[in-house]
Structure formats: structure tokens, C-alpha cells
Amino acid sequence: MAHLGKNISSLRNFRRIPQKEMAGKLQISQQEYSRLESKEEIDEEWLNKIAAVLDFPVDAIKNMDSAATFQTVYQQTGNNGNGFYVNSNEKVIEMYERLLKEKDAVIEMQKGIIEMYKEGKKS
């Protein structure tokens, strides 16, 4: 059986929403919200409220395997019924590759600055 609190925590972190903000949207204290995330079972009323704030279907929260290496997260997009799947590992790889390219660009720029400095000193 899925640990609903852990699943909610994972989805909240995926959305980059702090606990305090979630608590405010649910009109409870941060401590009360933290207790919800520590529970294995959460009643349907709270589950529906949390799912609405996170913009994830309740079934995604209930059926998510938070221990899986490759977590697939289903996100409902608006009211049109279209959805898309996000593999969190693919996103990490994309971000890593982008950061490597940016690092290489900075290194090249710094090499150019060093060369300009060396040429200026020769004059």
C-alpha cells in the first residue's frame, strides 16, 4: 500500500511548493500540514483538497510508487482533458546537459577574456 503522505510530499516538492504555502492554501497551520504528510493514510476529504491544490488527480497520489527509481508523474492540464507524462529522471538529465553546455560557454568566454588581457599586456 502506498504511503499517501510521502506521495503528497513528493508531488508538492515536484511543484516546488513549500509546506507553509500548502498549509495556507488549505487554511491550516504548517504543523497540521506537516502531520498530514507524515500519515500513511489520509481521509478522502483531505486527499481531494490536497490534490486540487497540487493539481494532480487523487488516483495519481494513491497509486504513485514514491520508491520507484523512475517516477512517472501524471499531470492534468487544465479542463481540456489533455495530459502529459514527465519522467523526473529525464528532466534531471536535460537540466544536467544544459548546465554542462552553459559551463562550456562560460569557460570559452573566460578564455577569450584571458587572451584579450594577454594581448593588452603585450602592447
C-alpha atoms as a PDB file:
ATOM      1  CA  MET A   1       0.000   0.000   0.000  1.00  0.00           C
ATOM      2  CA  ALA A   2       1.225   3.485  -0.847  1.00  0.00           C
ATOM      3  CA  HIS A   3       2.222   5.931   1.890  1.00  0.00           C
ATOM      4  CA  LEU A   4      -0.067   8.817   0.920  1.00  0.00           C
ATOM      5  CA  GLY A   5       1.792  11.422   2.966  1.00  0.00           C
ATOM      6  CA  LYS A   6       5.093  10.590   1.264  1.00  0.00           C
ATOM      7  CA  ASN A   7       3.425  10.668  -2.131  1.00  0.00           C
ATOM      8  CA  ILE A   8       1.935  14.080  -1.386  1.00  0.00           C
ATOM      9  CA  SER A   9       5.314  15.330  -0.181  1.00  0.00           C
ATOM     10  CA  SER A  10       6.967  14.130  -3.410  1.00  0.00           C
ATOM     11  CA  LEU A  11       4.332  15.813  -5.578  1.00  0.00           C
ATOM     12  CA  ARG A  12       4.496  19.022  -3.520  1.00  0.00           C
ATOM     13  CA  ASN A  13       8.267  19.088  -3.974  1.00  0.00           C
ATOM     14  CA  PHE A  14       7.799  18.400  -7.682  1.00  0.00           C
ATOM     15  CA  ARG A  15       5.617  21.522  -7.811  1.00  0.00           C
ATOM     16  CA  ARG A  16       8.182  23.403  -5.674  1.00  0.00           C
ATOM     17  CA  ILE A  17       5.555  24.429  -3.151  1.00  0.00           C
ATOM     18  CA  PRO A  18       6.756  24.889   0.441  1.00  0.00           C
ATOM     19  CA  GLN A  19       4.754  23.282   3.260  1.00  0.00           C
ATOM     20  CA  LYS A  20       3.866  26.719   4.630  1.00  0.00           C
ATOM     21  CA  GLU A  21       2.306  27.732   1.291  1.00  0.00           C
ATOM     22  CA  MET A  22       0.357  24.461   1.074  1.00  0.00           C
ATOM     23  CA  ALA A  23      -0.887  24.972   4.615  1.00  0.00           C
ATOM     24  CA  GLY A  24      -2.035  28.485   3.759  1.00  0.00           C
ATOM     25  CA  LYS A  25      -3.927  27.281   0.691  1.00  0.00           C
ATOM     26  CA  LEU A  26      -5.598  24.592   2.810  1.00  0.00           C
ATOM     27  CA  GLN A  27      -6.277  27.099   5.619  1.00  0.00           C
ATOM     28  CA  ILE A  28      -4.429  25.095   8.277  1.00  0.00           C
ATOM     29  CA  SER A  29      -1.177  25.614  10.167  1.00  0.00           C
ATOM     30  CA  GLN A  30       2.138  24.424   8.762  1.00  0.00           C
ATOM     31  CA  GLN A  31       2.403  21.970  11.672  1.00  0.00           C
ATOM     32  CA  GLU A  32      -1.000  20.455  10.838  1.00  0.00           C
ATOM     33  CA  TYR A  33       0.018  20.141   7.215  1.00  0.00           C
ATOM     34  CA  SER A  34       3.322  18.511   8.191  1.00  0.00           C
ATOM     35  CA  ARG A  35       1.380  15.941  10.212  1.00  0.00           C
ATOM     36  CA  LEU A  36      -0.724  15.150   7.131  1.00  0.00           C
ATOM     37  CA  GLU A  37       2.427  14.424   5.119  1.00  0.00           C
ATOM     38  CA  SER A  38       3.627  12.058   7.842  1.00  0.00           C
ATOM     39  CA  LYS A  39       0.458   9.930   7.679  1.00  0.00           C
ATOM     40  CA  GLU A  40       0.291   6.731   5.672  1.00  0.00           C
ATOM     41  CA  GLU A  41      -3.492   7.052   5.318  1.00  0.00           C
ATOM     42  CA  ILE A  42      -5.331  10.327   4.667  1.00  0.00           C
ATOM     43  CA  ASP A  43      -9.098  10.637   4.537  1.00  0.00           C
ATOM     44  CA  GLU A  44     -10.775  11.319   1.202  1.00  0.00           C
ATOM     45  CA  GLU A  45     -11.849  14.861   2.072  1.00  0.00           C
ATOM     46  CA  TRP A  46      -8.274  15.994   2.778  1.00  0.00           C
ATOM     47  CA  LEU A  47      -6.942  13.979  -0.131  1.00  0.00           C
ATOM     48  CA  ASN A  48      -9.330  15.755  -2.520  1.00  0.00           C
ATOM     49  CA  LYS A  49      -8.388  19.192  -1.141  1.00  0.00           C
ATOM     50  CA  ILE A  50      -4.652  18.479  -1.398  1.00  0.00           C
ATOM     51  CA  ALA A  51      -4.998  17.018  -4.900  1.00  0.00           C
ATOM     52  CA  ALA A  52      -6.832  20.163  -6.016  1.00  0.00           C
ATOM     53  CA  VAL A  53      -4.089  22.437  -4.655  1.00  0.00           C
ATOM     54  CA  LEU A  54      -1.337  20.321  -6.238  1.00  0.00           C
ATOM     55  CA  ASP A  55      -3.331  19.969  -9.479  1.00  0.00           C
ATOM     56  CA  PHE A  56      -2.877  16.191  -9.556  1.00  0.00           C
ATOM     57  CA  PRO A  57      -5.605  13.565  -9.747  1.00  0.00           C
ATOM     58  CA  VAL A  58      -6.335  11.764  -6.474  1.00  0.00           C
ATOM     59  CA  ASP A  59      -5.602   8.471  -8.250  1.00  0.00           C
ATOM     60  CA  ALA A  60      -2.077   9.691  -9.035  1.00  0.00           C
ATOM     61  CA  ILE A  61      -1.485  10.321  -5.330  1.00  0.00           C
ATOM     62  CA  LYS A  62      -2.963   6.960  -4.316  1.00  0.00           C
ATOM     63  CA  ASN A  63      -1.172   4.895  -6.946  1.00  0.00           C
ATOM     64  CA  MET A  64       2.195   6.617  -7.060  1.00  0.00           C
ATOM     65  CA  ASP A  65       5.177   4.475  -6.120  1.00  0.00           C
ATOM     66  CA  SER A  66       7.385   7.023  -4.362  1.00  0.00           C
ATOM     67  CA  ALA A  67      10.186   4.478  -4.003  1.00  0.00           C
ATOM     68  CA  ALA A  68      10.455   3.841  -7.741  1.00  0.00           C
ATOM     69  CA  THR A  69      13.680   4.817  -9.445  1.00  0.00           C
ATOM     70  CA  PHE A  70      11.843   6.161 -12.452  1.00  0.00           C
ATOM     71  CA  GLN A  71       8.829   8.037 -11.166  1.00  0.00           C
ATOM     72  CA  THR A  72       6.281   8.936 -13.739  1.00  0.00           C
ATOM     73  CA  VAL A  73       4.038  11.779 -12.721  1.00  0.00           C
ATOM     74  CA  TYR A  74       0.758  12.403 -14.460  1.00  0.00           C
ATOM     75  CA  GLN A  75      -0.361  15.994 -14.583  1.00  0.00           C
ATOM     76  CA  GLN A  76      -3.812  17.044 -15.678  1.00  0.00           C
ATOM     77  CA  THR A  77      -3.542  20.149 -17.829  1.00  0.00           C
ATOM     78  CA  GLY A  78      -6.474  22.456 -17.377  1.00  0.00           C
ATOM     79  CA  ASN A  79     -10.024  21.430 -18.089  1.00  0.00           C
ATOM     80  CA  ASN A  80      -9.417  20.203 -21.613  1.00  0.00           C
ATOM     81  CA  GLY A  81      -8.538  16.679 -20.500  1.00  0.00           C
ATOM     82  CA  ASN A  82      -5.166  16.626 -22.232  1.00  0.00           C
ATOM     83  CA  GLY A  83      -2.334  15.268 -20.151  1.00  0.00           C
ATOM     84  CA  PHE A  84       1.361  14.727 -20.364  1.00  0.00           C
ATOM     85  CA  TYR A  85       3.818  12.461 -18.635  1.00  0.00           C
ATOM     86  CA  VAL A  86       7.028  13.693 -17.060  1.00  0.00           C
ATOM     87  CA  ASN A  87       9.820  11.294 -16.203  1.00  0.00           C
ATOM     88  CA  SER A  88      11.686  13.108 -13.461  1.00  0.00           C
ATOM     89  CA  ASN A  89      14.968  11.400 -14.392  1.00  0.00           C
ATOM     90  CA  GLU A  90      14.676  12.684 -17.966  1.00  0.00           C
ATOM     91  CA  LYS A  91      14.237  16.214 -16.613  1.00  0.00           C
ATOM     92  CA  VAL A  92      17.337  15.866 -14.428  1.00  0.00           C
ATOM     93  CA  ILE A  93      19.359  14.647 -17.413  1.00  0.00           C
ATOM     94  CA  GLU A  94      18.088  17.536 -19.569  1.00  0.00           C
ATOM     95  CA  MET A  95      18.992  20.039 -16.864  1.00  0.00           C
ATOM     96  CA  TYR A  96      22.446  18.465 -16.393  1.00  0.00           C
ATOM     97  CA  GLU A  97      23.165  18.609 -20.136  1.00  0.00           C
ATOM     98  CA  ARG A  98      22.018  22.235 -20.299  1.00  0.00           C
ATOM     99  CA  LEU A  99      24.238  23.146 -17.341  1.00  0.00           C
ATOM    100  CA  LEU A 100      27.222  21.449 -18.975  1.00  0.00           C
ATOM    101  CA  LYS A 101      26.678  23.497 -22.146  1.00  0.00           C
ATOM    102  CA  GLU A 102      26.399  26.694 -20.103  1.00  0.00           C
ATOM    103  CA  LYS A 103      29.592  25.809 -18.222  1.00  0.00           C
ATOM    104  CA  ASP A 104      31.430  25.220 -21.506  1.00  0.00           C
ATOM    105  CA  ALA A 105      30.203  28.567 -22.835  1.00  0.00           C
ATOM    106  CA  VAL A 106      31.443  30.362 -19.686  1.00  0.00           C
ATOM    107  CA  ILE A 107      34.837  28.667 -19.976  1.00  0.00           C
ATOM    108  CA  GLU A 108      35.162  29.738 -23.609  1.00  0.00           C
ATOM    109  CA  MET A 109      34.195  33.300 -22.706  1.00  0.00           C
ATOM    110  CA  GLN A 110      36.776  33.339 -19.907  1.00  0.00           C
ATOM    111  CA  LYS A 111      39.443  32.024 -22.285  1.00  0.00           C
ATOM    112  CA  GLY A 112      38.617  34.885 -24.637  1.00  0.00           C
ATOM    113  CA  ILE A 113      38.936  37.413 -21.820  1.00  0.00           C
ATOM    114  CA  ILE A 114      42.295  35.944 -20.796  1.00  0.00           C
ATOM    115  CA  GLU A 115      43.547  36.161 -24.382  1.00  0.00           C
ATOM    116  CA  MET A 116      42.378  39.799 -24.637  1.00  0.00           C
ATOM    117  CA  TYR A 117      44.172  40.561 -21.374  1.00  0.00           C
ATOM    118  CA  LYS A 118      47.379  38.892 -22.589  1.00  0.00           C
ATOM    119  CA  GLU A 119      47.252  40.831 -25.876  1.00  0.00           C
ATOM    120  CA  GLY A 120      46.654  44.080 -23.998  1.00  0.00           C
ATOM    121  CA  LYS A 121      49.672  43.479 -21.763  1.00  0.00           C
ATOM    122  CA  LYS A 122      51.931  42.898 -24.800  1.00  0.00           C
ATOM    123  CA  SER A 123      51.086  46.311 -26.221  1.00  0.00           C
END
